[in-house]
Amino acid sequence: MSSPTPPSPPNPVADLATLEHKLTKRGFRRDDLYLHECTACHEQAVLKYILTGKTGGRDISLCQACGVAMSWRNGAGAHSREQDVGFDLRAFLG
């Protein structure tokens, strides 16, 4: 008899396609195609999205492994960058 396969871990970002669609509608694009290391779970699973303009921009990172999303606002000229504490991606996208 074969041993039963262990259940797959739940996907914290089950609605990734929907989130990416909403980000694209708001003008965000993937920063690069690499997966970056998550500061929370240390997995290589972070997607980075950026939005830039003349008056500044925003960077969003989303971990596919643990679901942690972080955001930073950039000032004009990208000289200042501050993190949005308590950022909720789903609330931001509506």
PDB file of N, CA and C in Angstrom:
ATOM      1  N   MET A   1       0.827  -1.176   0.000  1.00  0.00           N
ATOM      2  CA  MET A   1       0.000   0.000   0.000  1.00  0.00           C
ATOM      3  C   MET A   1       0.876   1.246   0.000  1.00  0.00           C
ATOM      4  N   SER A   2       0.425   2.217  -0.701  1.00  0.00           N
ATOM      5  CA  SER A   2       1.179   3.472  -0.700  1.00  0.00           C
ATOM      6  C   SER A   2       0.716   4.329   0.462  1.00  0.00           C
ATOM      7  N   SER A   3       1.642   5.115   0.947  1.00  0.00           N
ATOM      8  CA  SER A   3       1.292   5.996   2.064  1.00  0.00           C
ATOM      9  C   SER A   3       0.484   7.171   1.538  1.00  0.00           C
ATOM     10  N   PRO A   4      -0.450   7.658   2.326  1.00  0.00           N
ATOM     11  CA  PRO A   4      -1.271   8.788   1.862  1.00  0.00           C
ATOM     12  C   PRO A   4      -0.397  10.029   1.694  1.00  0.00           C
ATOM     13  N   THR A   5      -0.717  10.803   0.700  1.00  0.00           N
ATOM     14  CA  THR A   5       0.043  12.036   0.475  1.00  0.00           C
ATOM     15  C   THR A   5      -0.357  13.061   1.523  1.00  0.00           C
ATOM     16  N   PRO A   6       0.620  13.765   2.054  1.00  0.00           N
ATOM     17  CA  PRO A   6       0.284  14.780   3.058  1.00  0.00           C
ATOM     18  C   PRO A   6      -0.498  15.905   2.416  1.00  0.00           C
ATOM     19  N   PRO A   7      -1.401  16.506   3.159  1.00  0.00           N
ATOM     20  CA  PRO A   7      -2.177  17.612   2.587  1.00  0.00           C
ATOM     21  C   PRO A   7      -1.257  18.778   2.266  1.00  0.00           C
ATOM     22  N   SER A   8      -1.543  19.438   1.168  1.00  0.00           N
ATOM     23  CA  SER A   8      -0.721  20.597   0.805  1.00  0.00           C
ATOM     24  C   SER A   8      -1.054  21.752   1.739  1.00  0.00           C
ATOM     25  N   PRO A   9      -0.059  22.573   2.045  1.00  0.00           N
ATOM     26  CA  PRO A   9      -0.313  23.702   2.935  1.00  0.00           C
ATOM     27  C   PRO A   9      -1.270  24.686   2.271  1.00  0.00           C
ATOM     28  N   PRO A  10      -2.097  25.355   3.051  1.00  0.00           N
ATOM     29  CA  PRO A  10      -3.029  26.316   2.460  1.00  0.00           C
ATOM     30  C   PRO A  10      -2.268  27.457   1.800  1.00  0.00           C
ATOM     31  N   ASN A  11      -2.779  27.923   0.690  1.00  0.00           N
ATOM     32  CA  ASN A  11      -2.157  29.022  -0.033  1.00  0.00           C
ATOM     33  C   ASN A  11      -2.690  30.338   0.534  1.00  0.00           C
ATOM     34  N   PRO A  12      -1.846  31.118   1.233  1.00  0.00           N
ATOM     35  CA  PRO A  12      -2.330  32.367   1.820  1.00  0.00           C
ATOM     36  C   PRO A  12      -2.744  33.394   0.766  1.00  0.00           C
ATOM     37  N   VAL A  13      -2.290  33.212  -0.472  1.00  0.00           N
ATOM     38  CA  VAL A  13      -2.632  34.162  -1.527  1.00  0.00           C
ATOM     39  C   VAL A  13      -3.393  33.401  -2.617  1.00  0.00           C
ATOM     40  N   ALA A  14      -4.504  32.826  -2.243  1.00  0.00           N
ATOM     41  CA  ALA A  14      -5.301  32.044  -3.189  1.00  0.00           C
ATOM     42  C   ALA A  14      -5.877  32.923  -4.294  1.00  0.00           C
ATOM     43  N   ASP A  15      -6.063  34.207  -4.023  1.00  0.00           N
ATOM     44  CA  ASP A  15      -6.629  35.130  -5.004  1.00  0.00           C
ATOM     45  C   ASP A  15      -5.546  35.981  -5.683  1.00  0.00           C
ATOM     46  N   LEU A  16      -4.373  35.382  -5.920  1.00  0.00           N
ATOM     47  CA  LEU A  16      -3.247  36.115  -6.503  1.00  0.00           C
ATOM     48  C   LEU A  16      -3.605  36.718  -7.865  1.00  0.00           C
ATOM     49  N   ALA A  17      -4.286  35.966  -8.714  1.00  0.00           N
ATOM     50  CA  ALA A  17      -4.650  36.477 -10.038  1.00  0.00           C
ATOM     51  C   ALA A  17      -5.551  37.710  -9.923  1.00  0.00           C
ATOM     52  N   THR A  18      -6.478  37.690  -8.980  1.00  0.00           N
ATOM     53  CA  THR A  18      -7.365  38.838  -8.772  1.00  0.00           C
ATOM     54  C   THR A  18      -6.581  40.043  -8.265  1.00  0.00           C
ATOM     55  N   LEU A  19      -5.674  39.805  -7.305  1.00  0.00           N
ATOM     56  CA  LEU A  19      -4.859  40.905  -6.775  1.00  0.00           C
ATOM     57  C   LEU A  19      -3.984  41.507  -7.872  1.00  0.00           C
ATOM     58  N   GLU A  20      -3.358  40.654  -8.697  1.00  0.00           N
ATOM     59  CA  GLU A  20      -2.510  41.170  -9.772  1.00  0.00           C
ATOM     60  C   GLU A  20      -3.333  41.961 -10.789  1.00  0.00           C
ATOM     61  N   HIS A  21      -4.544  41.505 -11.076  1.00  0.00           N
ATOM     62  CA  HIS A  21      -5.414  42.234 -12.003  1.00  0.00           C
ATOM     63  C   HIS A  21      -5.751  43.620 -11.449  1.00  0.00           C
ATOM     64  N   LYS A  22      -6.102  43.683 -10.173  1.00  0.00           N
ATOM     65  CA  LYS A  22      -6.439  44.970  -9.552  1.00  0.00           C
ATOM     66  C   LYS A  22      -5.226  45.893  -9.485  1.00  0.00           C
ATOM     67  N   LEU A  23      -4.046  45.332  -9.197  1.00  0.00           N
ATOM     68  CA  LEU A  23      -2.833  46.147  -9.184  1.00  0.00           C
ATOM     69  C   LEU A  23      -2.544  46.709 -10.574  1.00  0.00           C
ATOM     70  N   THR A  24      -2.697  45.885 -11.602  1.00  0.00           N
ATOM     71  CA  THR A  24      -2.455  46.332 -12.975  1.00  0.00           C
ATOM     72  C   THR A  24      -3.447  47.424 -13.372  1.00  0.00           C
ATOM     73  N   LYS A  25      -4.707  47.288 -12.963  1.00  0.00           N
ATOM     74  CA  LYS A  25      -5.705  48.319 -13.265  1.00  0.00           C
ATOM     75  C   LYS A  25      -5.340  49.649 -12.624  1.00  0.00           C
ATOM     76  N   ARG A  26      -4.657  49.604 -11.481  1.00  0.00           N
ATOM     77  CA  ARG A  26      -4.250  50.841 -10.796  1.00  0.00           C
ATOM     78  C   ARG A  26      -2.918  51.377 -11.310  1.00  0.00           C
ATOM     79  N   GLY A  27      -2.299  50.709 -12.279  1.00  0.00           N
ATOM     80  CA  GLY A  27      -1.068  51.211 -12.875  1.00  0.00           C
ATOM     81  C   GLY A  27       0.198  50.574 -12.345  1.00  0.00           C
ATOM     82  N   PHE A  28       0.083  49.603 -11.445  1.00  0.00           N
ATOM     83  CA  PHE A  28       1.276  48.932 -10.920  1.00  0.00           C
ATOM     84  C   PHE A  28       1.792  47.934 -11.942  1.00  0.00           C
ATOM     85  N   ARG A  29       3.088  47.678 -11.891  1.00  0.00           N
ATOM     86  CA  ARG A  29       3.704  46.640 -12.715  1.00  0.00           C
ATOM     87  C   ARG A  29       4.717  45.906 -11.873  1.00  0.00           C
ATOM     88  N   ARG A  30       5.050  44.688 -12.298  1.00  0.00           N
ATOM     89  CA  ARG A  30       6.060  43.907 -11.576  1.00  0.00           C
ATOM     90  C   ARG A  30       7.405  44.604 -11.740  1.00  0.00           C
ATOM     91  N   ASP A  31       8.128  44.749 -10.642  1.00  0.00           N
ATOM     92  CA  ASP A  31       9.435  45.392 -10.667  1.00  0.00           C
ATOM     93  C   ASP A  31      10.431  44.529 -11.422  1.00  0.00           C
ATOM     94  N   ASP A  32      10.437  43.241 -11.148  1.00  0.00           N
ATOM     95  CA  ASP A  32      11.286  42.290 -11.859  1.00  0.00           C
ATOM     96  C   ASP A  32      10.636  40.918 -11.775  1.00  0.00           C
ATOM     97  N   LEU A  33      11.195  39.954 -12.457  1.00  0.00           N
ATOM     98  CA  LEU A  33      10.593  38.623 -12.482  1.00  0.00           C
ATOM     99  C   LEU A  33      11.165  37.686 -11.431  1.00  0.00           C
ATOM    100  N   TYR A  34      12.083  38.192 -10.612  1.00  0.00           N
ATOM    101  CA  TYR A  34      12.695  37.366  -9.573  1.00  0.00           C
ATOM    102  C   TYR A  34      11.792  37.276  -8.345  1.00  0.00           C
ATOM    103  N   LEU A  35      11.940  36.197  -7.614  1.00  0.00           N
ATOM    104  CA  LEU A  35      11.277  36.069  -6.318  1.00  0.00           C
ATOM    105  C   LEU A  35      12.294  36.443  -5.251  1.00  0.00           C
ATOM    106  N   HIS A  36      11.918  37.357  -4.367  1.00  0.00           N
ATOM    107  CA  HIS A  36      12.816  37.857  -3.336  1.00  0.00           C
ATOM    108  C   HIS A  36      12.536  37.159  -2.012  1.00  0.00           C
ATOM    109  N   GLU A  37      13.474  37.291  -1.073  1.00  0.00           N
ATOM    110  CA  GLU A  37      13.320  36.653   0.238  1.00  0.00           C
ATOM    111  C   GLU A  37      12.382  37.459   1.121  1.00  0.00           C
ATOM    112  N   CYS A  38      11.471  36.758   1.777  1.00  0.00           N
ATOM    113  CA  CYS A  38      10.525  37.381   2.696  1.00  0.00           C
ATOM    114  C   CYS A  38      11.212  37.623   4.038  1.00  0.00           C
ATOM    115  N   THR A  39      11.008  38.790   4.616  1.00  0.00           N
ATOM    116  CA  THR A  39      11.608  39.101   5.917  1.00  0.00           C
ATOM    117  C   THR A  39      10.871  38.393   7.048  1.00  0.00           C
ATOM    118  N   ALA A  40       9.627  37.962   6.797  1.00  0.00           N
ATOM    119  CA  ALA A  40       8.848  37.298   7.847  1.00  0.00           C
ATOM    120  C   ALA A  40       9.093  35.796   7.886  1.00  0.00           C
ATOM    121  N   CYS A  41       9.016  35.126   6.720  1.00  0.00           N
ATOM    122  CA  CYS A  41       9.125  33.660   6.707  1.00  0.00           C
ATOM    123  C   CYS A  41      10.416  33.152   6.063  1.00  0.00           C
ATOM    124  N   HIS A  42      11.227  34.037   5.510  1.00  0.00           N
ATOM    125  CA  HIS A  42      12.528  33.727   4.905  1.00  0.00           C
ATOM    126  C   HIS A  42      12.437  32.786   3.704  1.00  0.00           C
ATOM    127  N   GLU A  43      11.298  32.754   3.032  1.00  0.00           N
ATOM    128  CA  GLU A  43      11.136  31.982   1.795  1.00  0.00           C
ATOM    129  C   GLU A  43      11.411  32.898   0.605  1.00  0.00           C
ATOM    130  N   GLN A  44      11.876  32.327  -0.488  1.00  0.00           N
ATOM    131  CA  GLN A  44      12.082  33.069  -1.730  1.00  0.00           C
ATOM    132  C   GLN A  44      10.734  33.112  -2.452  1.00  0.00           C
ATOM    133  N   ALA A  45       9.823  33.964  -2.026  1.00  0.00           N
ATOM    134  CA  ALA A  45       8.470  33.965  -2.575  1.00  0.00           C
ATOM    135  C   ALA A  45       7.857  35.359  -2.681  1.00  0.00           C
ATOM    136  N   VAL A  46       8.662  36.415  -2.592  1.00  0.00           N
ATOM    137  CA  VAL A  46       8.118  37.777  -2.580  1.00  0.00           C
ATOM    138  C   VAL A  46       8.072  38.355  -3.992  1.00  0.00           C
ATOM    139  N   LEU A  47       6.890  38.815  -4.371  1.00  0.00           N
ATOM    140  CA  LEU A  47       6.686  39.529  -5.629  1.00  0.00           C
ATOM    141  C   LEU A  47       6.722  41.015  -5.319  1.00  0.00           C
ATOM    142  N   LYS A  48       7.367  41.804  -6.191  1.00  0.00           N
ATOM    143  CA  LYS A  48       7.459  43.249  -5.977  1.00  0.00           C
ATOM    144  C   LYS A  48       6.767  43.983  -7.117  1.00  0.00           C
ATOM    145  N   TYR A  49       5.911  44.921  -6.734  1.00  0.00           N
ATOM    146  CA  TYR A  49       5.166  45.740  -7.687  1.00  0.00           C
ATOM    147  C   TYR A  49       5.523  47.199  -7.452  1.00  0.00           C
ATOM    148  N   ILE A  50       5.580  47.987  -8.531  1.00  0.00           N
ATOM    149  CA  ILE A  50       5.931  49.398  -8.402  1.00  0.00           C
ATOM    150  C   ILE A  50       4.969  50.266  -9.204  1.00  0.00           C
ATOM    151  N   LEU A  51       4.837  51.487  -8.748  1.00  0.00           N
ATOM    152  CA  LEU A  51       4.090  52.524  -9.443  1.00  0.00           C
ATOM    153  C   LEU A  51       4.915  53.797  -9.301  1.00  0.00           C
ATOM    154  N   THR A  52       5.279  54.396 -10.417  1.00  0.00           N
ATOM    155  CA  THR A  52       6.086  55.611 -10.363  1.00  0.00           C
ATOM    156  C   THR A  52       5.409  56.719 -11.158  1.00  0.00           C
ATOM    157  N   GLY A  53       5.654  57.930 -10.720  1.00  0.00           N
ATOM    158  CA  GLY A  53       5.115  59.105 -11.391  1.00  0.00           C
ATOM    159  C   GLY A  53       5.958  60.316 -11.061  1.00  0.00           C
ATOM    160  N   LYS A  54       5.584  61.468 -11.577  1.00  0.00           N
ATOM    161  CA  LYS A  54       6.353  62.686 -11.344  1.00  0.00           C
ATOM    162  C   LYS A  54       6.315  63.127  -9.889  1.00  0.00           C
ATOM    163  N   THR A  55       5.212  62.856  -9.212  1.00  0.00           N
ATOM    164  CA  THR A  55       5.075  63.310  -7.828  1.00  0.00           C
ATOM    165  C   THR A  55       5.459  62.247  -6.808  1.00  0.00           C
ATOM    166  N   GLY A  56       5.957  61.114  -7.261  1.00  0.00           N
ATOM    167  CA  GLY A  56       6.352  60.051  -6.348  1.00  0.00           C
ATOM    168  C   GLY A  56       5.846  58.714  -6.833  1.00  0.00           C
ATOM    169  N   GLY A  57       5.682  57.793  -5.913  1.00  0.00           N
ATOM    170  CA  GLY A  57       5.212  56.472  -6.310  1.00  0.00           C
ATOM    171  C   GLY A  57       4.988  55.598  -5.100  1.00  0.00           C
ATOM    172  N   ARG A  58       4.810  54.313  -5.360  1.00  0.00           N
ATOM    173  CA  ARG A  58       4.576  53.353  -4.299  1.00  0.00           C
ATOM    174  C   ARG A  58       5.190  52.026  -4.701  1.00  0.00           C
ATOM    175  N   ASP A  59       5.780  51.340  -3.732  1.00  0.00           N
ATOM    176  CA  ASP A  59       6.304  49.989  -3.902  1.00  0.00           C
ATOM    177  C   ASP A  59       5.481  49.064  -3.015  1.00  0.00           C
ATOM    178  N   ILE A  60       5.090  47.923  -3.556  1.00  0.00           N
ATOM    179  CA  ILE A  60       4.348  46.929  -2.789  1.00  0.00           C
ATOM    180  C   ILE A  60       5.058  45.595  -2.937  1.00  0.00           C
ATOM    181  N   SER A  61       5.287  44.920  -1.822  1.00  0.00           N
ATOM    182  CA  SER A  61       5.846  43.567  -1.861  1.00  0.00           C
ATOM    183  C   SER A  61       4.827  42.620  -1.248  1.00  0.00           C
ATOM    184  N   LEU A  62       4.663  41.452  -1.890  1.00  0.00           N
ATOM    185  CA  LEU A  62       3.674  40.469  -1.466  1.00  0.00           C
ATOM    186  C   LEU A  62       4.327  39.097  -1.432  1.00  0.00           C
ATOM    187  N   CYS A  63       4.322  38.458  -0.269  1.00  0.00           N
ATOM    188  CA  CYS A  63       4.892  37.123  -0.119  1.00  0.00           C
ATOM    189  C   CYS A  63       3.832  36.089  -0.470  1.00  0.00           C
ATOM    190  N   GLN A  64       4.149  35.216  -1.414  1.00  0.00           N
ATOM    191  CA  GLN A  64       3.223  34.158  -1.820  1.00  0.00           C
ATOM    192  C   GLN A  64       3.185  33.019  -0.814  1.00  0.00           C
ATOM    193  N   ALA A  65       4.202  32.910   0.031  1.00  0.00           N
ATOM    194  CA  ALA A  65       4.273  31.806   0.991  1.00  0.00           C
ATOM    195  C   ALA A  65       3.476  32.090   2.259  1.00  0.00           C
ATOM    196  N   CYS A  66       3.650  33.291   2.824  1.00  0.00           N
ATOM    197  CA  CYS A  66       2.981  33.582   4.097  1.00  0.00           C
ATOM    198  C   CYS A  66       1.897  34.650   3.973  1.00  0.00           C
ATOM    199  N   GLY A  67       1.810  35.346   2.836  1.00  0.00           N
ATOM    200  CA  GLY A  67       0.755  36.321   2.618  1.00  0.00           C
ATOM    201  C   GLY A  67       1.040  37.711   3.143  1.00  0.00           C
ATOM    202  N   VAL A  68       2.229  37.971   3.659  1.00  0.00           N
ATOM    203  CA  VAL A  68       2.561  39.291   4.188  1.00  0.00           C
ATOM    204  C   VAL A  68       2.718  40.283   3.031  1.00  0.00           C
ATOM    205  N   ALA A  69       2.045  41.413   3.137  1.00  0.00           N
ATOM    206  CA  ALA A  69       2.161  42.483   2.147  1.00  0.00           C
ATOM    207  C   ALA A  69       2.670  43.734   2.844  1.00  0.00           C
ATOM    208  N   MET A  70       3.646  44.387   2.229  1.00  0.00           N
ATOM    209  CA  MET A  70       4.195  45.638   2.764  1.00  0.00           C
ATOM    210  C   MET A  70       4.199  46.683   1.657  1.00  0.00           C
ATOM    211  N   SER A  71       4.122  47.945   2.051  1.00  0.00           N
ATOM    212  CA  SER A  71       4.077  49.031   1.092  1.00  0.00           C
ATOM    213  C   SER A  71       4.953  50.178   1.557  1.00  0.00           C
ATOM    214  N   TRP A  72       5.551  50.855   0.590  1.00  0.00           N
ATOM    215  CA  TRP A  72       6.360  52.047   0.850  1.00  0.00           C
ATOM    216  C   TRP A  72       5.919  53.133  -0.110  1.00  0.00           C
ATOM    217  N   ARG A  73       5.856  54.365   0.381  1.00  0.00           N
ATOM    218  CA  ARG A  73       5.568  55.524  -0.462  1.00  0.00           C
ATOM    219  C   ARG A  73       6.881  56.226  -0.763  1.00  0.00           C
ATOM    220  N   ASN A  74       7.018  56.652  -2.008  1.00  0.00           N
ATOM    221  CA  ASN A  74       8.211  57.379  -2.442  1.00  0.00           C
ATOM    222  C   ASN A  74       7.831  58.821  -2.727  1.00  0.00           C
ATOM    223  N   GLY A  75       8.683  59.736  -2.282  1.00  0.00           N
ATOM    224  CA  GLY A  75       8.468  61.139  -2.592  1.00  0.00           C
ATOM    225  C   GLY A  75       8.958  61.458  -3.985  1.00  0.00           C
ATOM    226  N   ALA A  76       8.730  62.679  -4.423  1.00  0.00           N
ATOM    227  CA  ALA A  76       9.178  63.107  -5.742  1.00  0.00           C
ATOM    228  C   ALA A  76      10.685  62.963  -5.855  1.00  0.00           C
ATOM    229  N   GLY A  77      11.141  62.409  -6.955  1.00  0.00           N
ATOM    230  CA  GLY A  77      12.567  62.209  -7.172  1.00  0.00           C
ATOM    231  C   GLY A  77      13.116  60.991  -6.458  1.00  0.00           C
ATOM    232  N   ALA A  78      12.284  60.245  -5.777  1.00  0.00           N
ATOM    233  CA  ALA A  78      12.667  59.010  -5.063  1.00  0.00           C
ATOM    234  C   ALA A  78      13.760  59.267  -4.025  1.00  0.00           C
ATOM    235  N   HIS A  79      13.766  60.471  -3.423  1.00  0.00           N
ATOM    236  CA  HIS A  79      14.758  60.765  -2.389  1.00  0.00           C
ATOM    237  C   HIS A  79      14.305  60.302  -1.017  1.00  0.00           C
ATOM    238  N   SER A  80      13.003  60.255  -0.808  1.00  0.00           N
ATOM    239  CA  SER A  80      12.498  59.810   0.489  1.00  0.00           C
ATOM    240  C   SER A  80      11.608  58.588   0.272  1.00  0.00           C
ATOM    241  N   ARG A  81      11.682  57.669   1.195  1.00  0.00           N
ATOM    242  CA  ARG A  81      10.881  56.443   1.115  1.00  0.00           C
ATOM    243  C   ARG A  81      10.438  56.102   2.520  1.00  0.00           C
ATOM    244  N   GLU A  82       9.124  56.014   2.728  1.00  0.00           N
ATOM    245  CA  GLU A  82       8.630  55.677   4.055  1.00  0.00           C
ATOM    246  C   GLU A  82       7.659  54.509   3.959  1.00  0.00           C
ATOM    247  N   GLN A  83       7.743  53.618   4.928  1.00  0.00           N
ATOM    248  CA  GLN A  83       6.909  52.430   4.942  1.00  0.00           C
ATOM    249  C   GLN A  83       5.528  52.757   5.494  1.00  0.00           C
ATOM    250  N   ASP A  84       4.508  52.194   4.882  1.00  0.00           N
ATOM    251  CA  ASP A  84       3.137  52.308   5.391  1.00  0.00           C
ATOM    252  C   ASP A  84       2.955  51.240   6.458  1.00  0.00           C
ATOM    253  N   VAL A  85       2.944  51.653   7.702  1.00  0.00           N
ATOM    254  CA  VAL A  85       2.770  50.713   8.813  1.00  0.00           C
ATOM    255  C   VAL A  85       1.303  50.292   8.860  1.00  0.00           C
ATOM    256  N   GLY A  86       1.055  49.003   9.009  1.00  0.00           N
ATOM    257  CA  GLY A  86      -0.309  48.497   9.065  1.00  0.00           C
ATOM    258  C   GLY A  86      -0.984  48.424   7.707  1.00  0.00           C
ATOM    259  N   PHE A  87      -0.206  48.331   6.642  1.00  0.00           N
ATOM    260  CA  PHE A  87      -0.740  48.288   5.275  1.00  0.00           C
ATOM    261  C   PHE A  87      -1.549  47.015   5.050  1.00  0.00           C
ATOM    262  N   ASP A  88      -2.745  47.160   4.489  1.00  0.00           N
ATOM    263  CA  ASP A  88      -3.608  46.017   4.143  1.00  0.00           C
ATOM    264  C   ASP A  88      -3.861  46.072   2.640  1.00  0.00           C
ATOM    265  N   LEU A  89      -3.287  45.133   1.900  1.00  0.00           N
ATOM    266  CA  LEU A  89      -3.366  45.146   0.445  1.00  0.00           C
ATOM    267  C   LEU A  89      -4.804  45.035  -0.056  1.00  0.00           C
ATOM    268  N   ARG A  90      -5.577  44.154   0.536  1.00  0.00           N
ATOM    269  CA  ARG A  90      -6.946  43.962   0.069  1.00  0.00           C
ATOM    270  C   ARG A  90      -7.817  45.211   0.341  1.00  0.00           C
ATOM    271  N   ALA A  91      -7.609  45.874   1.453  1.00  0.00           N
ATOM    272  CA  ALA A  91      -8.325  47.126   1.723  1.00  0.00           C
ATOM    273  C   ALA A  91      -7.872  48.220   0.779  1.00  0.00           C
ATOM    274  N   PHE A  92      -6.581  48.262   0.458  1.00  0.00           N
ATOM    275  CA  PHE A  92      -6.027  49.259  -0.464  1.00  0.00           C
ATOM    276  C   PHE A  92      -6.630  49.090  -1.863  1.00  0.00           C
ATOM    277  N   LEU A  93      -6.795  47.848  -2.300  1.00  0.00           N
ATOM    278  CA  LEU A  93      -7.324  47.594  -3.635  1.00  0.00           C
ATOM    279  C   LEU A  93      -8.849  47.656  -3.701  1.00  0.00           C
ATOM    280  N   GLY A  94      -9.487  47.629  -2.536  1.00  0.00           N
ATOM    281  CA  GLY A  94     -10.939  47.763  -2.490  1.00  0.00           C
ATOM    282  C   GLY A  94     -11.651  46.526  -2.775  1.00  0.00           C
TER     283      GLY A  94
END
